[in-house]
């Protein structure tokens, strides 16, 4: 986990993918852009819950409404996430 975080903040992931613009999903609130998930932090019940919702590596999400909770859209479905959960998700701008 720590090694992965160090690679992100250096601007590279192990797959060679650039993450220079990687930020926490919480910090993107209000931008209303399509974002790609590049990391979900933690290994506990909350990170498993995010995975069950479909928020995992490579998925594209859109912030519909910022705040706490924020409303996200993914694959035509909308759901709310608390600020605590938003802090666990690292995203980059979506391509395309």
N, C-alpha and C. Protein backbone atom coordinates (compact mmCIF):
# COMPACT_ATOMS: atom_id res chain seq x y z
N UNK A 1 0.82 -1.20 0.00
CA UNK A 1 0.00 0.00 0.00
C UNK A 1 0.86 1.26 0.00
N UNK A 2 1.84 1.33 0.92
CA UNK A 2 2.69 2.51 1.01
C UNK A 2 3.48 2.68 -0.29
N UNK A 3 4.02 1.59 -0.83
CA UNK A 3 4.78 1.68 -2.07
C UNK A 3 3.91 2.24 -3.20
N UNK A 4 2.65 1.79 -3.29
CA UNK A 4 1.74 2.28 -4.31
C UNK A 4 1.46 3.77 -4.15
N UNK A 5 1.31 4.23 -2.90
CA UNK A 5 1.08 5.65 -2.67
C UNK A 5 2.30 6.47 -3.07
N UNK A 6 3.49 5.97 -2.75
CA UNK A 6 4.70 6.69 -3.14
C UNK A 6 4.79 6.81 -4.65
N UNK A 7 4.44 5.75 -5.37
CA UNK A 7 4.50 5.79 -6.83
C UNK A 7 3.50 6.80 -7.37
N UNK A 8 2.32 6.89 -6.79
CA UNK A 8 1.33 7.85 -7.26
C UNK A 8 1.84 9.27 -7.06
N UNK A 9 2.39 9.56 -5.90
CA UNK A 9 2.80 10.93 -5.65
C UNK A 9 4.09 11.29 -6.38
N UNK A 10 4.80 10.30 -6.90
CA UNK A 10 5.93 10.59 -7.78
C UNK A 10 5.45 10.77 -9.21
N UNK A 11 4.19 10.46 -9.49
CA UNK A 11 3.63 10.70 -10.82
C UNK A 11 3.62 9.47 -11.71
N UNK A 12 3.91 8.30 -11.20
CA UNK A 12 3.90 7.07 -12.00
C UNK A 12 3.28 5.94 -11.20
N UNK A 13 2.54 5.11 -11.88
CA UNK A 13 2.05 3.87 -11.29
C UNK A 13 2.88 2.74 -11.83
N UNK A 14 2.76 1.57 -11.27
CA UNK A 14 3.58 0.44 -11.68
C UNK A 14 3.36 0.05 -13.12
N UNK A 15 2.20 0.34 -13.70
CA UNK A 15 1.93 0.01 -15.09
C UNK A 15 2.48 1.03 -16.06
N UNK A 16 3.20 2.04 -15.56
CA UNK A 16 3.76 3.06 -16.42
C UNK A 16 2.79 4.19 -16.72
N UNK A 17 1.59 4.09 -16.20
CA UNK A 17 0.54 5.08 -16.45
C UNK A 17 0.86 6.35 -15.66
N UNK A 18 0.79 7.49 -16.31
CA UNK A 18 1.08 8.75 -15.63
C UNK A 18 -0.09 9.16 -14.76
N UNK A 19 0.21 9.57 -13.53
CA UNK A 19 -0.82 10.03 -12.61
C UNK A 19 -0.45 11.39 -12.06
N UNK A 20 0.19 12.22 -12.88
CA UNK A 20 0.63 13.53 -12.43
C UNK A 20 -0.54 14.35 -11.89
N UNK A 21 -1.73 14.17 -12.42
CA UNK A 21 -2.88 14.96 -12.00
C UNK A 21 -3.80 14.18 -11.06
N UNK A 22 -3.31 13.14 -10.42
CA UNK A 22 -4.13 12.34 -9.50
C UNK A 22 -4.44 13.14 -8.25
N UNK A 23 -5.71 13.15 -7.89
CA UNK A 23 -6.17 13.85 -6.69
C UNK A 23 -7.25 13.01 -6.01
N UNK A 24 -7.54 13.34 -4.77
CA UNK A 24 -8.63 12.67 -4.09
C UNK A 24 -9.95 13.09 -4.71
N UNK A 25 -10.88 12.16 -4.80
CA UNK A 25 -12.20 12.46 -5.34
C UNK A 25 -12.85 13.60 -4.56
N UNK A 26 -12.63 13.64 -3.26
CA UNK A 26 -13.18 14.70 -2.41
C UNK A 26 -12.73 16.08 -2.89
N UNK A 27 -11.49 16.20 -3.39
CA UNK A 27 -10.95 17.48 -3.83
C UNK A 27 -11.46 17.89 -5.21
N UNK A 28 -12.13 16.99 -5.92
CA UNK A 28 -12.68 17.30 -7.25
C UNK A 28 -14.11 17.77 -7.18
N UNK A 29 -14.71 17.72 -6.01
CA UNK A 29 -16.12 18.08 -5.90
C UNK A 29 -16.38 19.45 -6.47
N UNK A 30 -17.37 19.52 -7.32
CA UNK A 30 -17.74 20.76 -7.95
C UNK A 30 -17.23 20.90 -9.36
N UNK A 31 -16.30 20.05 -9.78
CA UNK A 31 -15.73 20.21 -11.11
C UNK A 31 -16.63 19.61 -12.19
N UNK A 32 -17.51 18.68 -11.84
CA UNK A 32 -18.49 18.07 -12.76
C UNK A 32 -17.86 17.53 -14.03
N UNK A 33 -16.72 16.89 -13.88
CA UNK A 33 -16.03 16.27 -15.00
C UNK A 33 -16.09 14.77 -14.86
N UNK A 34 -15.82 14.11 -15.99
CA UNK A 34 -15.67 12.66 -15.94
C UNK A 34 -14.29 12.36 -15.39
N UNK A 35 -14.24 11.46 -14.42
CA UNK A 35 -13.01 11.12 -13.74
C UNK A 35 -12.80 9.62 -13.76
N UNK A 36 -11.55 9.20 -13.82
CA UNK A 36 -11.21 7.78 -13.80
C UNK A 36 -10.58 7.44 -12.46
N UNK A 37 -11.06 6.38 -11.83
CA UNK A 37 -10.52 5.93 -10.55
C UNK A 37 -9.16 5.28 -10.80
N UNK A 38 -8.13 5.77 -10.09
CA UNK A 38 -6.81 5.16 -10.23
C UNK A 38 -6.37 4.47 -8.95
N UNK A 39 -7.09 4.66 -7.86
CA UNK A 39 -6.79 3.94 -6.62
C UNK A 39 -7.94 4.08 -5.64
N UNK A 40 -8.20 3.01 -4.89
CA UNK A 40 -9.11 3.06 -3.75
C UNK A 40 -8.27 2.70 -2.54
N UNK A 41 -8.12 3.62 -1.61
CA UNK A 41 -7.25 3.43 -0.45
C UNK A 41 -7.93 2.60 0.63
N UNK A 42 -7.12 1.86 1.33
CA UNK A 42 -7.61 1.09 2.47
C UNK A 42 -7.89 -0.35 2.11
N UNK A 43 -8.01 -1.16 3.14
CA UNK A 43 -8.30 -2.57 2.98
C UNK A 43 -9.22 -2.99 4.13
N UNK A 44 -10.38 -2.37 4.16
CA UNK A 44 -11.32 -2.64 5.24
C UNK A 44 -12.73 -2.69 4.68
N UNK A 45 -13.71 -2.69 5.55
CA UNK A 45 -15.09 -2.82 5.10
C UNK A 45 -15.54 -1.63 4.25
N UNK A 46 -15.03 -0.43 4.51
CA UNK A 46 -15.43 0.72 3.71
C UNK A 46 -14.89 0.63 2.29
N UNK A 47 -13.65 0.20 2.13
CA UNK A 47 -13.11 0.06 0.76
C UNK A 47 -13.80 -1.10 0.03
N UNK A 48 -14.18 -2.14 0.76
CA UNK A 48 -14.94 -3.23 0.14
C UNK A 48 -16.31 -2.72 -0.31
N UNK A 49 -16.92 -1.85 0.48
CA UNK A 49 -18.22 -1.28 0.12
C UNK A 49 -18.10 -0.46 -1.16
N UNK A 50 -17.04 0.32 -1.29
CA UNK A 50 -16.81 1.08 -2.52
C UNK A 50 -16.70 0.14 -3.71
N UNK A 51 -16.00 -0.96 -3.52
CA UNK A 51 -15.86 -1.95 -4.59
C UNK A 51 -17.21 -2.55 -4.95
N UNK A 52 -18.04 -2.83 -3.96
CA UNK A 52 -19.37 -3.37 -4.21
C UNK A 52 -20.24 -2.39 -5.01
N UNK A 53 -20.01 -1.10 -4.80
CA UNK A 53 -20.74 -0.07 -5.56
C UNK A 53 -20.20 0.07 -6.98
N UNK A 54 -19.04 -0.54 -7.23
CA UNK A 54 -18.45 -0.47 -8.56
C UNK A 54 -17.34 0.55 -8.68
N UNK A 55 -16.99 1.18 -7.57
CA UNK A 55 -15.91 2.17 -7.58
C UNK A 55 -14.60 1.43 -7.38
N UNK A 56 -13.94 1.15 -8.49
CA UNK A 56 -12.70 0.40 -8.46
C UNK A 56 -11.79 0.88 -9.59
N UNK A 57 -10.58 0.40 -9.60
CA UNK A 57 -9.55 0.81 -10.54
C UNK A 57 -10.06 0.80 -11.98
N UNK A 58 -9.91 1.94 -12.66
CA UNK A 58 -10.26 2.03 -14.07
C UNK A 58 -11.68 2.47 -14.37
N UNK A 59 -12.55 2.52 -13.38
CA UNK A 59 -13.95 2.93 -13.61
C UNK A 59 -14.04 4.44 -13.77
N UNK A 60 -15.01 4.88 -14.56
CA UNK A 60 -15.24 6.30 -14.79
C UNK A 60 -16.46 6.76 -14.00
N UNK A 61 -16.29 7.84 -13.24
CA UNK A 61 -17.38 8.42 -12.45
C UNK A 61 -17.52 9.89 -12.80
N UNK A 62 -18.71 10.42 -12.59
CA UNK A 62 -18.98 11.84 -12.80
C UNK A 62 -19.58 12.40 -11.52
N UNK A 63 -19.07 13.54 -11.08
CA UNK A 63 -19.64 14.21 -9.91
C UNK A 63 -20.84 15.02 -10.38
N UNK A 64 -22.02 14.66 -9.91
CA UNK A 64 -23.25 15.35 -10.28
C UNK A 64 -23.49 16.52 -9.34
N UNK A 65 -23.24 16.30 -8.05
CA UNK A 65 -23.41 17.36 -7.05
C UNK A 65 -22.33 17.21 -6.00
N UNK A 66 -21.64 18.30 -5.72
CA UNK A 66 -20.61 18.25 -4.70
C UNK A 66 -21.24 18.44 -3.33
N UNK A 67 -20.45 18.21 -2.31
CA UNK A 67 -20.93 18.39 -0.95
C UNK A 67 -20.72 17.11 -0.15
N UNK A 68 -21.35 17.08 1.00
CA UNK A 68 -21.26 15.90 1.85
C UNK A 68 -22.66 15.54 2.31
N UNK A 69 -23.27 14.57 1.69
CA UNK A 69 -22.71 13.64 0.71
C UNK A 69 -22.67 14.24 -0.71
N UNK A 70 -21.76 13.72 -1.52
CA UNK A 70 -21.69 14.08 -2.93
C UNK A 70 -22.51 13.06 -3.72
N UNK A 71 -23.08 13.51 -4.83
CA UNK A 71 -23.82 12.59 -5.70
C UNK A 71 -22.95 12.29 -6.91
N UNK A 72 -22.71 11.01 -7.13
CA UNK A 72 -21.89 10.55 -8.25
C UNK A 72 -22.76 9.79 -9.24
N UNK A 73 -22.34 9.79 -10.49
CA UNK A 73 -23.01 9.00 -11.51
C UNK A 73 -21.99 8.07 -12.14
N UNK A 74 -22.41 6.83 -12.34
CA UNK A 74 -21.55 5.83 -12.95
C UNK A 74 -22.43 4.84 -13.71
N UNK A 75 -22.17 4.70 -14.99
CA UNK A 75 -22.93 3.77 -15.84
C UNK A 75 -24.44 4.00 -15.75
N UNK A 76 -24.86 5.26 -15.71
CA UNK A 76 -26.28 5.58 -15.70
C UNK A 76 -26.95 5.52 -14.33
N UNK A 77 -26.21 5.12 -13.30
CA UNK A 77 -26.77 5.06 -11.95
C UNK A 77 -26.18 6.18 -11.11
N UNK A 78 -27.00 6.73 -10.22
CA UNK A 78 -26.55 7.77 -9.32
C UNK A 78 -26.60 7.26 -7.89
N UNK A 79 -25.63 7.70 -7.10
CA UNK A 79 -25.62 7.34 -5.69
C UNK A 79 -24.85 8.39 -4.92
N UNK A 80 -25.08 8.44 -3.61
CA UNK A 80 -24.44 9.42 -2.74
C UNK A 80 -23.29 8.76 -1.98
N UNK A 81 -22.20 9.51 -1.82
CA UNK A 81 -21.07 9.06 -1.02
C UNK A 81 -20.73 10.12 0.01
N UNK A 82 -20.46 9.68 1.23
CA UNK A 82 -20.07 10.61 2.29
C UNK A 82 -18.66 11.12 2.05
N UNK A 83 -18.34 12.22 2.71
CA UNK A 83 -17.01 12.79 2.59
C UNK A 83 -15.92 11.83 3.03
N UNK A 84 -16.20 11.01 4.05
CA UNK A 84 -15.22 10.03 4.51
C UNK A 84 -14.87 9.04 3.41
N UNK A 85 -15.87 8.59 2.66
CA UNK A 85 -15.60 7.65 1.56
C UNK A 85 -14.93 8.34 0.38
N UNK A 86 -15.28 9.60 0.13
CA UNK A 86 -14.66 10.34 -0.96
C UNK A 86 -13.15 10.48 -0.74
N UNK A 87 -12.72 10.52 0.52
CA UNK A 87 -11.29 10.65 0.83
C UNK A 87 -10.50 9.39 0.50
N UNK A 88 -11.16 8.29 0.25
CA UNK A 88 -10.48 7.04 -0.05
C UNK A 88 -10.23 6.82 -1.54
N UNK A 89 -10.84 7.65 -2.38
CA UNK A 89 -10.78 7.42 -3.83
C UNK A 89 -9.86 8.45 -4.49
N UNK A 90 -8.85 7.95 -5.22
CA UNK A 90 -7.92 8.79 -5.97
C UNK A 90 -8.31 8.72 -7.45
N UNK A 91 -8.43 9.89 -8.09
CA UNK A 91 -8.92 9.94 -9.47
C UNK A 91 -8.00 10.80 -10.34
N UNK A 92 -8.14 10.60 -11.66
CA UNK A 92 -7.50 11.45 -12.66
C UNK A 92 -8.59 11.83 -13.67
N UNK A 93 -8.37 12.89 -14.46
CA UNK A 93 -9.35 13.22 -15.49
C UNK A 93 -9.51 12.06 -16.48
N UNK A 94 -10.74 11.78 -16.88
CA UNK A 94 -11.01 10.68 -17.82
C UNK A 94 -10.58 11.11 -19.22
N UNK A 95 -10.07 10.16 -19.98
CA UNK A 95 -9.68 10.41 -21.36
C UNK A 95 -10.85 10.08 -22.28
N UNK A 96 -11.07 10.93 -23.25
CA UNK A 96 -12.09 10.65 -24.26
C UNK A 96 -13.42 11.17 -23.98
